């Protein structure tokens, strides 16, 4: 539970640029899976699209993101 307390205690970052990427954030190290360390940064959910656009426009290492849609399966009547 200490890991989640650490993550919830991180400050929310809101860069002033219209689009921003990973290089614009201050990353913290948090305990990850199997004794590994993860890099974590918190941004407002409303700015998620700005982050995706900023990372996609990165000239050095462009990233691609896509949203997977799942279809709901409905049980057929017997």
N, C-alpha and C. Protein backbone atom coordinates (compact mmCIF):
# COMPACT_ATOMS: atom_id res chain seq x y z
N UNK A 1 0.81 -1.19 0.00
CA UNK A 1 0.00 0.00 0.00
C UNK A 1 0.86 1.26 0.00
N UNK A 2 2.10 1.14 0.45
CA UNK A 2 2.98 2.31 0.50
C UNK A 2 3.25 2.85 -0.90
N UNK A 3 3.27 1.95 -1.89
CA UNK A 3 3.49 2.40 -3.27
C UNK A 3 2.38 3.34 -3.72
N UNK A 4 1.13 2.97 -3.47
CA UNK A 4 0.01 3.81 -3.88
C UNK A 4 0.00 5.12 -3.11
N UNK A 5 0.37 5.07 -1.83
CA UNK A 5 0.46 6.30 -1.06
C UNK A 5 1.49 7.24 -1.66
N UNK A 6 2.62 6.68 -2.10
CA UNK A 6 3.66 7.49 -2.73
C UNK A 6 3.14 8.13 -4.02
N UNK A 7 2.47 7.33 -4.86
CA UNK A 7 1.96 7.84 -6.14
C UNK A 7 0.89 8.89 -5.91
N UNK A 8 -0.02 8.65 -4.97
CA UNK A 8 -1.06 9.65 -4.69
C UNK A 8 -0.48 10.92 -4.11
N UNK A 9 0.68 10.84 -3.47
CA UNK A 9 1.31 12.01 -2.88
C UNK A 9 2.10 12.85 -3.87
N UNK A 10 2.29 12.36 -5.10
CA UNK A 10 3.03 13.13 -6.10
C UNK A 10 2.23 14.36 -6.53
N UNK A 11 2.90 15.46 -6.84
CA UNK A 11 2.18 16.64 -7.30
C UNK A 11 1.68 16.45 -8.73
N UNK A 12 0.52 17.03 -9.03
CA UNK A 12 -0.02 17.00 -10.38
C UNK A 12 0.70 18.08 -11.18
N UNK A 13 1.26 17.68 -12.32
CA UNK A 13 2.00 18.62 -13.15
C UNK A 13 1.13 19.09 -14.30
N UNK A 14 1.16 20.38 -14.58
CA UNK A 14 0.36 20.97 -15.64
C UNK A 14 1.23 21.94 -16.42
N UNK A 15 2.05 21.44 -17.38
CA UNK A 15 2.94 22.32 -18.13
C UNK A 15 2.16 23.40 -18.87
N UNK A 16 2.74 24.62 -19.00
CA UNK A 16 2.03 25.72 -19.63
C UNK A 16 1.90 25.59 -21.15
N UNK A 17 2.73 24.77 -21.79
CA UNK A 17 2.68 24.64 -23.25
C UNK A 17 1.38 23.98 -23.68
N UNK A 18 0.91 24.35 -24.87
CA UNK A 18 -0.33 23.77 -25.39
C UNK A 18 -0.19 22.25 -25.55
N UNK A 19 0.90 21.82 -26.18
CA UNK A 19 1.22 20.40 -26.30
C UNK A 19 2.51 20.16 -25.55
N UNK A 20 2.62 19.05 -24.86
CA UNK A 20 3.83 18.75 -24.10
C UNK A 20 4.12 17.26 -24.16
N UNK A 21 5.35 16.92 -23.88
CA UNK A 21 5.76 15.52 -23.93
C UNK A 21 6.45 15.09 -22.65
N UNK A 22 7.03 13.92 -22.69
CA UNK A 22 7.67 13.34 -21.52
C UNK A 22 8.85 14.19 -21.04
N UNK A 23 9.53 14.86 -21.96
CA UNK A 23 10.68 15.67 -21.57
C UNK A 23 10.28 16.92 -20.80
N UNK A 24 9.01 17.30 -20.85
CA UNK A 24 8.52 18.48 -20.14
C UNK A 24 8.08 18.17 -18.71
N UNK A 25 8.11 16.90 -18.33
CA UNK A 25 7.65 16.49 -17.01
C UNK A 25 8.81 16.10 -16.12
N UNK A 26 8.60 16.21 -14.82
CA UNK A 26 9.57 15.73 -13.84
C UNK A 26 9.09 14.35 -13.41
N UNK A 27 9.91 13.34 -13.68
CA UNK A 27 9.53 11.96 -13.41
C UNK A 27 10.08 11.52 -12.06
N UNK A 28 9.26 10.79 -11.32
CA UNK A 28 9.67 10.24 -10.03
C UNK A 28 9.79 8.73 -10.17
N UNK A 29 10.62 8.15 -9.35
CA UNK A 29 10.79 6.70 -9.38
C UNK A 29 9.95 6.08 -8.28
N UNK A 30 9.17 5.07 -8.67
CA UNK A 30 8.31 4.37 -7.72
C UNK A 30 8.59 2.88 -7.82
N UNK A 31 8.38 2.19 -6.73
CA UNK A 31 8.58 0.74 -6.71
C UNK A 31 7.62 0.10 -7.70
N UNK A 32 8.16 -0.75 -8.58
CA UNK A 32 7.35 -1.39 -9.60
C UNK A 32 7.17 -2.87 -9.34
N UNK A 33 6.96 -3.60 -10.40
CA UNK A 33 6.70 -5.03 -10.34
C UNK A 33 8.02 -5.80 -10.30
N UNK A 34 8.13 -6.82 -9.50
CA UNK A 34 9.31 -7.70 -9.42
C UNK A 34 10.59 -6.93 -9.14
N UNK A 35 10.59 -6.12 -8.13
CA UNK A 35 11.78 -5.37 -7.69
C UNK A 35 12.33 -4.43 -8.75
N UNK A 36 11.51 -3.97 -9.65
CA UNK A 36 11.92 -2.99 -10.65
C UNK A 36 11.40 -1.63 -10.23
N UNK A 37 12.01 -0.58 -10.77
CA UNK A 37 11.57 0.78 -10.47
C UNK A 37 10.86 1.35 -11.69
N UNK A 38 9.70 1.94 -11.50
CA UNK A 38 8.94 2.57 -12.57
C UNK A 38 9.10 4.08 -12.48
N UNK A 39 9.03 4.73 -13.62
CA UNK A 39 9.03 6.19 -13.65
C UNK A 39 7.58 6.66 -13.73
N UNK A 40 7.21 7.58 -12.86
CA UNK A 40 5.82 8.01 -12.73
C UNK A 40 5.74 9.53 -12.75
N UNK A 41 4.75 10.06 -13.45
CA UNK A 41 4.43 11.48 -13.42
C UNK A 41 2.91 11.61 -13.49
N UNK A 42 2.35 12.55 -12.76
CA UNK A 42 0.90 12.75 -12.75
C UNK A 42 0.57 14.01 -13.52
N UNK A 43 -0.40 13.89 -14.44
CA UNK A 43 -0.91 15.04 -15.18
C UNK A 43 -2.43 15.02 -15.07
N UNK A 44 -3.09 16.17 -15.26
CA UNK A 44 -4.56 16.17 -15.23
C UNK A 44 -5.11 15.34 -16.39
N UNK A 45 -6.18 14.61 -16.14
CA UNK A 45 -6.79 13.79 -17.19
C UNK A 45 -7.22 14.65 -18.37
N UNK A 46 -7.64 15.87 -18.11
CA UNK A 46 -8.08 16.77 -19.19
C UNK A 46 -6.94 17.13 -20.13
N UNK A 47 -5.69 16.97 -19.70
CA UNK A 47 -4.52 17.30 -20.53
C UNK A 47 -3.92 16.07 -21.22
N UNK A 48 -4.56 14.93 -21.09
CA UNK A 48 -4.02 13.70 -21.67
C UNK A 48 -3.88 13.81 -23.18
N UNK A 49 -4.86 14.38 -23.87
CA UNK A 49 -4.77 14.54 -25.32
C UNK A 49 -3.61 15.45 -25.71
N UNK A 50 -3.34 16.50 -24.91
CA UNK A 50 -2.20 17.38 -25.18
C UNK A 50 -0.89 16.61 -25.06
N UNK A 51 -0.80 15.72 -24.08
CA UNK A 51 0.40 14.89 -23.91
C UNK A 51 0.57 13.95 -25.09
N UNK A 52 -0.50 13.31 -25.52
CA UNK A 52 -0.42 12.38 -26.65
C UNK A 52 0.01 13.12 -27.91
N UNK A 53 -0.56 14.31 -28.17
CA UNK A 53 -0.16 15.09 -29.34
C UNK A 53 1.31 15.51 -29.25
N UNK A 54 1.74 15.93 -28.07
CA UNK A 54 3.13 16.34 -27.89
C UNK A 54 4.10 15.19 -28.11
N UNK A 55 3.78 14.02 -27.61
CA UNK A 55 4.64 12.85 -27.81
C UNK A 55 4.62 12.40 -29.27
N UNK A 56 3.49 12.52 -29.93
CA UNK A 56 3.39 12.11 -31.33
C UNK A 56 4.18 13.05 -32.24
N UNK A 57 4.32 14.32 -31.86
CA UNK A 57 5.05 15.31 -32.66
C UNK A 57 6.53 15.39 -32.31
N UNK A 58 7.01 14.54 -31.43
CA UNK A 58 8.42 14.53 -31.03
C UNK A 58 9.28 14.12 -32.23
N UNK A 59 10.15 15.02 -32.68
CA UNK A 59 10.97 14.75 -33.88
C UNK A 59 12.01 13.66 -33.63
N UNK A 60 12.58 13.62 -32.42
CA UNK A 60 13.64 12.65 -32.13
C UNK A 60 13.12 11.22 -32.02
N UNK A 61 11.96 11.07 -31.42
CA UNK A 61 11.43 9.73 -31.19
C UNK A 61 9.90 9.81 -31.20
N UNK A 62 9.29 9.89 -32.39
CA UNK A 62 7.82 10.01 -32.43
C UNK A 62 7.14 8.75 -31.91
N UNK A 63 6.08 8.95 -31.19
CA UNK A 63 5.30 7.85 -30.64
C UNK A 63 3.94 7.82 -31.29
N UNK A 64 3.35 6.65 -31.35
CA UNK A 64 1.99 6.53 -31.88
C UNK A 64 1.12 5.93 -30.79
N UNK A 65 -0.05 6.50 -30.63
CA UNK A 65 -1.01 6.02 -29.65
C UNK A 65 -2.30 5.71 -30.38
N UNK A 66 -3.00 4.73 -29.91
CA UNK A 66 -4.33 4.45 -30.44
C UNK A 66 -5.20 3.93 -29.30
N UNK A 67 -6.47 4.14 -29.45
CA UNK A 67 -7.43 3.69 -28.45
C UNK A 67 -8.09 2.44 -29.00
N UNK A 68 -8.05 1.41 -28.21
CA UNK A 68 -8.69 0.17 -28.62
C UNK A 68 -10.12 0.17 -28.12
N UNK A 69 -11.01 -0.09 -29.03
CA UNK A 69 -12.42 -0.18 -28.67
C UNK A 69 -12.77 -1.66 -28.50
N UNK A 70 -13.52 -1.93 -27.48
CA UNK A 70 -13.95 -3.31 -27.26
C UNK A 70 -15.44 -3.39 -27.49
N UNK A 71 -15.82 -4.44 -28.16
CA UNK A 71 -17.24 -4.66 -28.35
C UNK A 71 -17.79 -5.45 -27.19
N UNK A 72 -18.95 -5.09 -26.77
CA UNK A 72 -19.60 -5.84 -25.70
C UNK A 72 -20.26 -7.07 -26.29
N UNK A 73 -20.08 -8.15 -25.60
CA UNK A 73 -20.75 -9.38 -26.01
C UNK A 73 -22.01 -9.54 -25.18
N UNK A 74 -23.07 -9.74 -25.86
CA UNK A 74 -24.33 -9.96 -25.18
C UNK A 74 -24.67 -11.45 -25.26
N UNK A 75 -25.16 -11.96 -24.17
CA UNK A 75 -25.55 -13.37 -24.13
C UNK A 75 -26.76 -13.58 -25.03
N UNK A 76 -26.68 -14.63 -25.81
CA UNK A 76 -27.80 -14.96 -26.68
C UNK A 76 -28.88 -15.65 -25.86
N UNK A 77 -30.14 -15.28 -26.09
CA UNK A 77 -31.23 -15.95 -25.37
C UNK A 77 -31.31 -17.42 -25.79
N UNK A 78 -31.57 -18.27 -24.84
CA UNK A 78 -31.68 -19.71 -25.14
C UNK A 78 -33.09 -20.11 -25.36
